[in-house]
Amino acid sequence: MDIDEQISIVIADDSNEFRTILRLFLESTRAILVIGEARDGEEALSLTQALEPDILLLDLRMPKLDGFQVLDQLQTIDASPEVIVLTSHVDLYYERQVLSRGASRYISKGGAPEQLIQIIHEVANAHH
C-alpha cells in the first residue's frame, strides 16, 4: 500500500497517554497514517488547516476550544476533514449536537478498537 492510499488522521485529545496509545494502534494497521496530534481545540483547528487530514478524531472536552467549538469553526473552512467524535461522555443529546454540527460519527472511547478502525474506513470510503 502506498502512502497515497493511506487514510491521514489528526488526533485531538487532551490526554497525552490516550493520543499515544491511539496513534500506535491506528498506525499498526498500515492503512492509517497519523499526521498530527493536538492537545487542545485551538491546536486541532490549526493542525487541521495546515495538514488537511482526511479525518479528524476529535474529543469533546478539551482546553481552549471544546469539540463543539471546533466543529462550529470547521464549518467555515473549505478543506474541512471528516470528523469522528471520540468521547468518553456518550450521550444522545451530545450525539445530536455533534452530528448537526457536521461530524460524521459519534463513538465511545470505550468501544472495541476494531470498531474504530472499521468506522474510519467507512467514513473515508464514503467521502472519496
C-alpha atoms as a PDB file:
ATOM      1  CA  MET A   1       0.000   0.000   0.000  1.00  0.00           C
ATOM      2  CA  ASP A   2       1.489   3.348  -0.936  1.00  0.00           C
ATOM      3  CA  ILE A   3       1.183   6.498   1.112  1.00  0.00           C
ATOM      4  CA  ASP A   4      -1.484   7.987  -1.191  1.00  0.00           C
ATOM      5  CA  GLU A   5      -3.855   5.192  -0.235  1.00  0.00           C
ATOM      6  CA  GLN A   6      -3.368   5.667   3.493  1.00  0.00           C
ATOM      7  CA  ILE A   7      -6.047   7.487   5.444  1.00  0.00           C
ATOM      8  CA  SER A   8      -4.480  10.562   7.036  1.00  0.00           C
ATOM      9  CA  ILE A   9      -5.644  11.419  10.533  1.00  0.00           C
ATOM     10  CA  VAL A  10      -5.194  14.146  13.125  1.00  0.00           C
ATOM     11  CA  ILE A  11      -5.954  13.121  16.712  1.00  0.00           C
ATOM     12  CA  ALA A  12      -7.283  15.868  19.006  1.00  0.00           C
ATOM     13  CA  ASP A  13      -7.408  14.859  22.670  1.00  0.00           C
ATOM     14  CA  ASP A  14      -6.016  16.497  25.796  1.00  0.00           C
ATOM     15  CA  SER A  15      -4.670  13.189  27.166  1.00  0.00           C
ATOM     16  CA  ASN A  16      -1.081  12.541  26.021  1.00  0.00           C
ATOM     17  CA  GLU A  17      -1.395   8.900  27.017  1.00  0.00           C
ATOM     18  CA  PHE A  18      -4.624   8.385  25.064  1.00  0.00           C
ATOM     19  CA  ARG A  19      -3.188  10.063  21.936  1.00  0.00           C
ATOM     20  CA  THR A  20      -0.041   7.910  22.080  1.00  0.00           C
ATOM     21  CA  ILE A  21      -1.927   4.641  22.531  1.00  0.00           C
ATOM     22  CA  LEU A  22      -4.415   5.562  19.816  1.00  0.00           C
ATOM     23  CA  ARG A  23      -1.680   6.584  17.347  1.00  0.00           C
ATOM     24  CA  LEU A  24       0.259   3.352  17.906  1.00  0.00           C
ATOM     25  CA  PHE A  25      -2.884   1.274  17.477  1.00  0.00           C
ATOM     26  CA  LEU A  26      -4.064   3.094  14.343  1.00  0.00           C
ATOM     27  CA  GLU A  27      -0.664   3.027  12.656  1.00  0.00           C
ATOM     28  CA  SER A  28      -0.317  -0.705  13.342  1.00  0.00           C
ATOM     29  CA  THR A  29      -2.966  -1.224  10.648  1.00  0.00           C
ATOM     30  CA  ARG A  30      -0.708   0.350   7.968  1.00  0.00           C
ATOM     31  CA  ALA A  31      -3.797   1.717   6.210  1.00  0.00           C
ATOM     32  CA  ILE A  32      -3.860   4.711   8.532  1.00  0.00           C
ATOM     33  CA  LEU A  33      -1.255   7.426   8.993  1.00  0.00           C
ATOM     34  CA  VAL A  34      -1.471   9.800  11.959  1.00  0.00           C
ATOM     35  CA  ILE A  35      -0.097  13.080  10.611  1.00  0.00           C
ATOM     36  CA  GLY A  36      -0.723  15.247  13.662  1.00  0.00           C
ATOM     37  CA  GLU A  37      -1.710  15.322  17.317  1.00  0.00           C
ATOM     38  CA  ALA A  38      -3.450  18.201  19.066  1.00  0.00           C
ATOM     39  CA  ARG A  39      -3.678  18.760  22.832  1.00  0.00           C
ATOM     40  CA  ASP A  40      -6.491  21.307  22.678  1.00  0.00           C
ATOM     41  CA  GLY A  41      -9.137  22.745  20.381  1.00  0.00           C
ATOM     42  CA  GLU A  42      -7.043  25.616  19.047  1.00  0.00           C
ATOM     43  CA  GLU A  43      -4.251  23.235  18.098  1.00  0.00           C
ATOM     44  CA  ALA A  44      -6.817  20.916  16.487  1.00  0.00           C
ATOM     45  CA  LEU A  45      -8.011  23.729  14.222  1.00  0.00           C
ATOM     46  CA  SER A  46      -4.545  24.944  13.266  1.00  0.00           C
ATOM     47  CA  LEU A  47      -3.257  21.421  12.537  1.00  0.00           C
ATOM     48  CA  THR A  48      -6.365  20.588  10.542  1.00  0.00           C
ATOM     49  CA  GLN A  49      -5.929  23.689   8.393  1.00  0.00           C
ATOM     50  CA  ALA A  50      -2.179  23.165   7.945  1.00  0.00           C
ATOM     51  CA  LEU A  51      -2.154  19.404   7.325  1.00  0.00           C
ATOM     52  CA  GLU A  52      -5.578  18.834   5.680  1.00  0.00           C
ATOM     53  CA  PRO A  53      -6.137  15.311   7.031  1.00  0.00           C
ATOM     54  CA  ASP A  54      -8.809  13.002   5.652  1.00  0.00           C
ATOM     55  CA  ILE A  55     -10.232  12.563   9.156  1.00  0.00           C
ATOM     56  CA  LEU A  56     -10.073  14.443  12.457  1.00  0.00           C
ATOM     57  CA  LEU A  57     -10.579  12.274  15.541  1.00  0.00           C
ATOM     58  CA  LEU A  58     -11.983  14.789  18.000  1.00  0.00           C
ATOM     59  CA  ASP A  59     -12.555  14.664  21.758  1.00  0.00           C
ATOM     60  CA  LEU A  60     -15.353  16.884  23.102  1.00  0.00           C
ATOM     61  CA  ARG A  61     -13.809  18.016  26.371  1.00  0.00           C
ATOM     62  CA  MET A  62     -10.561  19.849  25.713  1.00  0.00           C
ATOM     63  CA  PRO A  63      -8.946  23.106  26.860  1.00  0.00           C
ATOM     64  CA  LYS A  64      -9.103  26.403  24.933  1.00  0.00           C
ATOM     65  CA  LEU A  65     -11.813  25.290  22.491  1.00  0.00           C
ATOM     66  CA  ASP A  66     -14.019  22.277  23.162  1.00  0.00           C
ATOM     67  CA  GLY A  67     -15.083  19.824  20.487  1.00  0.00           C
ATOM     68  CA  PHE A  68     -18.351  21.642  19.825  1.00  0.00           C
ATOM     69  CA  GLN A  69     -16.498  24.914  19.153  1.00  0.00           C
ATOM     70  CA  VAL A  70     -14.016  23.111  16.896  1.00  0.00           C
ATOM     71  CA  LEU A  71     -16.888  21.621  14.876  1.00  0.00           C
ATOM     72  CA  ASP A  72     -18.526  25.040  14.538  1.00  0.00           C
ATOM     73  CA  GLN A  73     -15.297  26.616  13.275  1.00  0.00           C
ATOM     74  CA  LEU A  74     -14.542  23.744  10.895  1.00  0.00           C
ATOM     75  CA  GLN A  75     -17.762  24.540   9.034  1.00  0.00           C
ATOM     76  CA  THR A  76     -16.173  27.815   7.905  1.00  0.00           C
ATOM     77  CA  ILE A  77     -13.117  26.066   6.399  1.00  0.00           C
ATOM     78  CA  ASP A  78     -13.127  24.998   2.744  1.00  0.00           C
ATOM     79  CA  ALA A  79     -10.980  21.877   3.055  1.00  0.00           C
ATOM     80  CA  SER A  80     -12.663  20.605   6.195  1.00  0.00           C
ATOM     81  CA  PRO A  81     -11.978  16.938   7.036  1.00  0.00           C
ATOM     82  CA  GLU A  82     -14.490  14.318   8.024  1.00  0.00           C
ATOM     83  CA  VAL A  83     -14.822  14.355  11.814  1.00  0.00           C
ATOM     84  CA  ILE A  84     -15.282  11.388  14.088  1.00  0.00           C
ATOM     85  CA  VAL A  85     -16.066  12.465  17.633  1.00  0.00           C
ATOM     86  CA  LEU A  86     -14.426  10.042  20.031  1.00  0.00           C
ATOM     87  CA  THR A  87     -15.626  10.648  23.560  1.00  0.00           C
ATOM     88  CA  SER A  88     -15.965   9.104  26.986  1.00  0.00           C
ATOM     89  CA  HIS A  89     -19.210  11.048  27.501  1.00  0.00           C
ATOM     90  CA  VAL A  90     -21.693   9.151  25.343  1.00  0.00           C
ATOM     91  CA  ASP A  91     -24.998  10.965  25.470  1.00  0.00           C
ATOM     92  CA  LEU A  92     -27.862  11.131  22.967  1.00  0.00           C
ATOM     93  CA  TYR A  93     -28.140  14.929  23.284  1.00  0.00           C
ATOM     94  CA  TYR A  94     -24.397  15.338  22.602  1.00  0.00           C
ATOM     95  CA  GLU A  95     -24.655  12.928  19.690  1.00  0.00           C
ATOM     96  CA  ARG A  96     -27.408  15.015  18.067  1.00  0.00           C
ATOM     97  CA  GLN A  97     -25.405  18.188  18.706  1.00  0.00           C
ATOM     98  CA  VAL A  98     -22.193  16.946  17.086  1.00  0.00           C
ATOM     99  CA  LEU A  99     -23.955  15.375  14.106  1.00  0.00           C
ATOM    100  CA  SER A 100     -25.896  18.595  13.492  1.00  0.00           C
ATOM    101  CA  ARG A 101     -22.557  20.460  13.554  1.00  0.00           C
ATOM    102  CA  GLY A 102     -21.144  18.327  10.746  1.00  0.00           C
ATOM    103  CA  ALA A 103     -19.479  15.369  12.469  1.00  0.00           C
ATOM    104  CA  SER A 104     -19.701  12.102  10.538  1.00  0.00           C
ATOM    105  CA  ARG A 105     -19.837   9.811  13.566  1.00  0.00           C
ATOM    106  CA  TYR A 106     -20.041   9.928  17.355  1.00  0.00           C
ATOM    107  CA  ILE A 107     -18.499   6.994  19.193  1.00  0.00           C
ATOM    108  CA  SER A 108     -17.360   5.947  22.647  1.00  0.00           C
ATOM    109  CA  LYS A 109     -13.707   5.745  23.626  1.00  0.00           C
ATOM    110  CA  GLY A 110     -14.698   2.588  25.477  1.00  0.00           C
ATOM    111  CA  GLY A 111     -15.756   0.768  22.311  1.00  0.00           C
ATOM    112  CA  ALA A 112     -13.822  -2.047  20.688  1.00  0.00           C
ATOM    113  CA  PRO A 113     -10.672  -0.745  18.936  1.00  0.00           C
ATOM    114  CA  GLU A 114     -11.533  -2.802  15.846  1.00  0.00           C
ATOM    115  CA  GLN A 115     -14.836  -0.940  15.643  1.00  0.00           C
ATOM    116  CA  LEU A 116     -12.966   2.365  15.432  1.00  0.00           C
ATOM    117  CA  ILE A 117     -10.833   1.063  12.550  1.00  0.00           C
ATOM    118  CA  GLN A 118     -13.969  -0.085  10.734  1.00  0.00           C
ATOM    119  CA  ILE A 119     -15.668   3.301  11.240  1.00  0.00           C
ATOM    120  CA  ILE A 120     -12.566   5.168   9.998  1.00  0.00           C
ATOM    121  CA  HIS A 121     -12.622   3.105   6.810  1.00  0.00           C
ATOM    122  CA  GLU A 122     -16.387   3.580   6.362  1.00  0.00           C
ATOM    123  CA  VAL A 123     -16.121   7.358   6.769  1.00  0.00           C
ATOM    124  CA  ALA A 124     -13.063   7.617   4.487  1.00  0.00           C
ATOM    125  CA  ASN A 125     -14.627   5.433   1.777  1.00  0.00           C
ATOM    126  CA  ALA A 126     -17.940   7.267   1.862  1.00  0.00           C
ATOM    127  CA  HIS A 127     -16.234  10.581   1.127  1.00  0.00           C
ATOM    128  CA  HIS A 128     -13.651   9.669  -1.505  1.00  0.00           C
END
